[in-house]
C-alpha atoms as a PDB file:
ATOM      1  CA  MET A   1     132.453  37.044  43.097  1.00  0.00           C
ATOM      2  CA  ALA A   2     131.636  40.644  44.142  1.00  0.00           C
ATOM      3  CA  ALA A   3     132.551  43.627  41.098  1.00  0.00           C
ATOM      4  CA  LYS A   4     134.815  46.278  42.024  1.00  0.00           C
ATOM      5  CA  ILE A   5     132.375  48.460  43.879  1.00  0.00           C
ATOM      6  CA  ASP A   6     133.385  52.433  43.158  1.00  0.00           C
ATOM      7  CA  LYS A   7     133.473  54.265  46.233  1.00  0.00           C
ATOM      8  CA  SER A   8     133.349  57.503  44.861  1.00  0.00           C
ATOM      9  CA  ARG A   9     129.864  57.802  44.160  1.00  0.00           C
ATOM     10  CA  PRO A  10     127.271  58.277  46.420  1.00  0.00           C
ATOM     11  CA  GLY A  11     125.331  54.829  48.027  1.00  0.00           C
ATOM     12  CA  TRP A  12     128.723  53.071  47.612  1.00  0.00           C
ATOM     13  CA  LEU A  13     128.435  51.248  51.062  1.00  0.00           C
ATOM     14  CA  ALA A  14     124.432  50.516  50.590  1.00  0.00           C
ATOM     15  CA  ARG A  15     125.489  49.173  47.358  1.00  0.00           C
ATOM     16  CA  LEU A  16     129.083  46.803  49.086  1.00  0.00           C
ATOM     17  CA  LEU A  17     126.493  45.636  51.588  1.00  0.00           C
ATOM     18  CA  VAL A  18     123.472  44.199  49.290  1.00  0.00           C
ATOM     19  CA  GLN A  19     126.236  42.921  47.078  1.00  0.00           C
ATOM     20  CA  GLN A  20     127.986  40.438  50.345  1.00  0.00           C
ATOM     21  CA  GLU A  21     124.130  39.974  51.215  1.00  0.00           C
ATOM     22  CA  GLU A  22     123.716  38.420  47.724  1.00  0.00           C
ATOM     23  CA  ASP A  23     126.985  36.421  47.620  1.00  0.00           C
ATOM     24  CA  ARG A  24     126.295  35.389  51.461  1.00  0.00           C
ATOM     25  CA  ASN A  25     123.546  34.319  50.284  1.00  0.00           C
ATOM     26  CA  ARG A  26     123.968  32.101  47.083  1.00  0.00           C
ATOM     27  CA  GLU A  27     126.647  30.907  48.924  1.00  0.00           C
ATOM     28  CA  ILE A  28     124.553  29.097  52.181  1.00  0.00           C
ATOM     29  CA  ALA A  29     121.839  27.924  49.197  1.00  0.00           C
ATOM     30  CA  GLU A  30     124.911  25.945  47.018  1.00  0.00           C
ATOM     31  CA  ARG A  31     125.627  24.638  50.303  1.00  0.00           C
ATOM     32  CA  ALA A  32     122.182  23.538  51.776  1.00  0.00           C
ATOM     33  CA  GLY A  33     121.479  22.651  48.067  1.00  0.00           C
ATOM     34  CA  LYS A  34     118.141  24.707  49.054  1.00  0.00           C
ATOM     35  CA  TYR A  35     116.049  27.063  46.682  1.00  0.00           C
ATOM     36  CA  VAL A  36     116.565  30.828  47.871  1.00  0.00           C
ATOM     37  CA  PRO A  37     113.645  33.511  47.071  1.00  0.00           C
ATOM     38  CA  LYS A  38     114.840  34.849  44.491  1.00  0.00           C
ATOM     39  CA  PRO A  39     114.426  38.694  43.743  1.00  0.00           C
ATOM     40  CA  LYS A  40     112.413  41.185  42.731  1.00  0.00           C
ATOM     41  CA  LYS A  41     111.345  40.785  38.920  1.00  0.00           C
ATOM     42  CA  ASP A  42     112.999  44.581  38.950  1.00  0.00           C
ATOM     43  CA  GLY A  43     115.796  43.024  39.937  1.00  0.00           C
ATOM     44  CA  GLN A  44     116.001  44.802  43.340  1.00  0.00           C
ATOM     45  CA  PRO A  45     116.353  42.560  46.672  1.00  0.00           C
ATOM     46  CA  ARG A  46     113.061  41.512  48.833  1.00  0.00           C
ATOM     47  CA  TYR A  47     114.573  42.744  51.693  1.00  0.00           C
ATOM     48  CA  VAL A  48     117.849  44.291  52.790  1.00  0.00           C
ATOM     49  CA  PRO A  49     119.718  44.451  56.786  1.00  0.00           C
ATOM     50  CA  LEU A  50     118.537  47.671  58.634  1.00  0.00           C
ATOM     51  CA  ARG A  51     121.930  49.695  58.257  1.00  0.00           C
ATOM     52  CA  VAL A  52     121.707  49.046  54.304  1.00  0.00           C
ATOM     53  CA  TRP A  53     117.882  50.574  54.077  1.00  0.00           C
ATOM     54  CA  ALA A  54     119.078  53.808  56.102  1.00  0.00           C
ATOM     55  CA  GLU A  55     122.618  53.890  53.611  1.00  0.00           C
ATOM     56  CA  ILE A  56     119.697  53.611  50.826  1.00  0.00           C
ATOM     57  CA  MET A  57     117.388  56.165  52.349  1.00  0.00           C
ATOM     58  CA  PHE A  58     119.617  59.346  53.871  1.00  0.00           C
ATOM     59  CA  GLY A  59     123.023  58.696  52.342  1.00  0.00           C
ATOM     60  CA  GLU A  60     125.963  59.720  54.525  1.00  0.00           C
ATOM     61  CA  HIS A  61     123.494  61.433  57.113  1.00  0.00           C
ATOM     62  CA  ALA A  62     121.650  57.656  57.836  1.00  0.00           C
ATOM     63  CA  PRO A  63     121.221  57.202  61.736  1.00  0.00           C
ATOM     64  CA  GLY A  64     122.920  55.178  64.328  1.00  0.00           C
ATOM     65  CA  ILE A  65     121.517  51.646  65.023  1.00  0.00           C
ATOM     66  CA  ASN A  66     119.745  52.364  67.949  1.00  0.00           C
ATOM     67  CA  THR A  67     118.162  55.180  66.326  1.00  0.00           C
ATOM     68  CA  LEU A  68     116.620  53.280  63.805  1.00  0.00           C
ATOM     69  CA  ARG A  69     115.898  50.688  66.312  1.00  0.00           C
ATOM     70  CA  LYS A  70     113.743  53.202  67.685  1.00  0.00           C
ATOM     71  CA  TRP A  71     112.104  54.393  64.876  1.00  0.00           C
ATOM     72  CA  MET A  72     111.377  50.300  63.745  1.00  0.00           C
ATOM     73  CA  HIS A  73     109.665  49.767  68.043  1.00  0.00           C
ATOM     74  CA  GLU A  74     107.935  52.853  67.557  1.00  0.00           C
ATOM     75  CA  GLY A  75     106.627  51.730  63.670  1.00  0.00           C
ATOM     76  CA  ARG A  76     108.112  54.247  61.643  1.00  0.00           C
ATOM     77  CA  ILE A  77     109.244  52.358  59.129  1.00  0.00           C
ATOM     78  CA  TYR A  78     106.579  51.371  56.811  1.00  0.00           C
ATOM     79  CA  PRO A  79     105.900  48.375  55.761  1.00  0.00           C
ATOM     80  CA  PRO A  80     107.579  46.700  59.296  1.00  0.00           C
ATOM     81  CA  PRO A  81     111.080  45.277  59.576  1.00  0.00           C
ATOM     82  CA  LYS A  82     110.841  41.671  59.948  1.00  0.00           C
ATOM     83  CA  LYS A  83     112.932  39.360  61.854  1.00  0.00           C
ATOM     84  CA  ILE A  84     114.957  36.258  60.054  1.00  0.00           C
ATOM     85  CA  GLY A  85     117.789  34.674  62.116  1.00  0.00           C
ATOM     86  CA  GLY A  86     118.249  37.041  64.518  1.00  0.00           C
ATOM     87  CA  ARG A  87     118.779  40.577  62.270  1.00  0.00           C
ATOM     88  CA  TYR A  88     116.197  42.924  61.060  1.00  0.00           C
ATOM     89  CA  PHE A  89     115.015  42.873  57.348  1.00  0.00           C
ATOM     90  CA  VAL A  90     113.284  45.875  55.463  1.00  0.00           C
ATOM     91  CA  SER A  91     111.730  46.117  51.952  1.00  0.00           C
ATOM     92  CA  PRO A  92     113.936  48.442  49.917  1.00  0.00           C
ATOM     93  CA  ASP A  93     111.187  50.449  49.158  1.00  0.00           C
ATOM     94  CA  ALA A  94     109.805  51.051  53.208  1.00  0.00           C
ATOM     95  CA  ASP A  95     109.806  54.814  54.001  1.00  0.00           C
ATOM     96  CA  TYR A  96     110.465  56.605  57.338  1.00  0.00           C
ATOM     97  CA  MET A  97     107.287  57.706  58.721  1.00  0.00           C
ATOM     98  CA  GLU A  98     107.231  60.875  61.289  1.00  0.00           C
END
């Protein structure tokens, strides 16, 4: 299960959300008995939810979800997010471009 997250460190919410997503994916894989893509070789996940990416990029000053969606539709996030199962996911190393 999930390890304890130190809330005093910056970016704790992003780490918590990524950890919860990994736990959820692991549980789904165990139930389905199917292959789930593994993270990149450096241990970084392939995709994170759009909100988690914003927390990673901007920390406590992350913009709201409506602003993130606007940026996404305007092509300001590169590489562009992907819609998977009704949710938007983006590469953790994606950049905001003005």
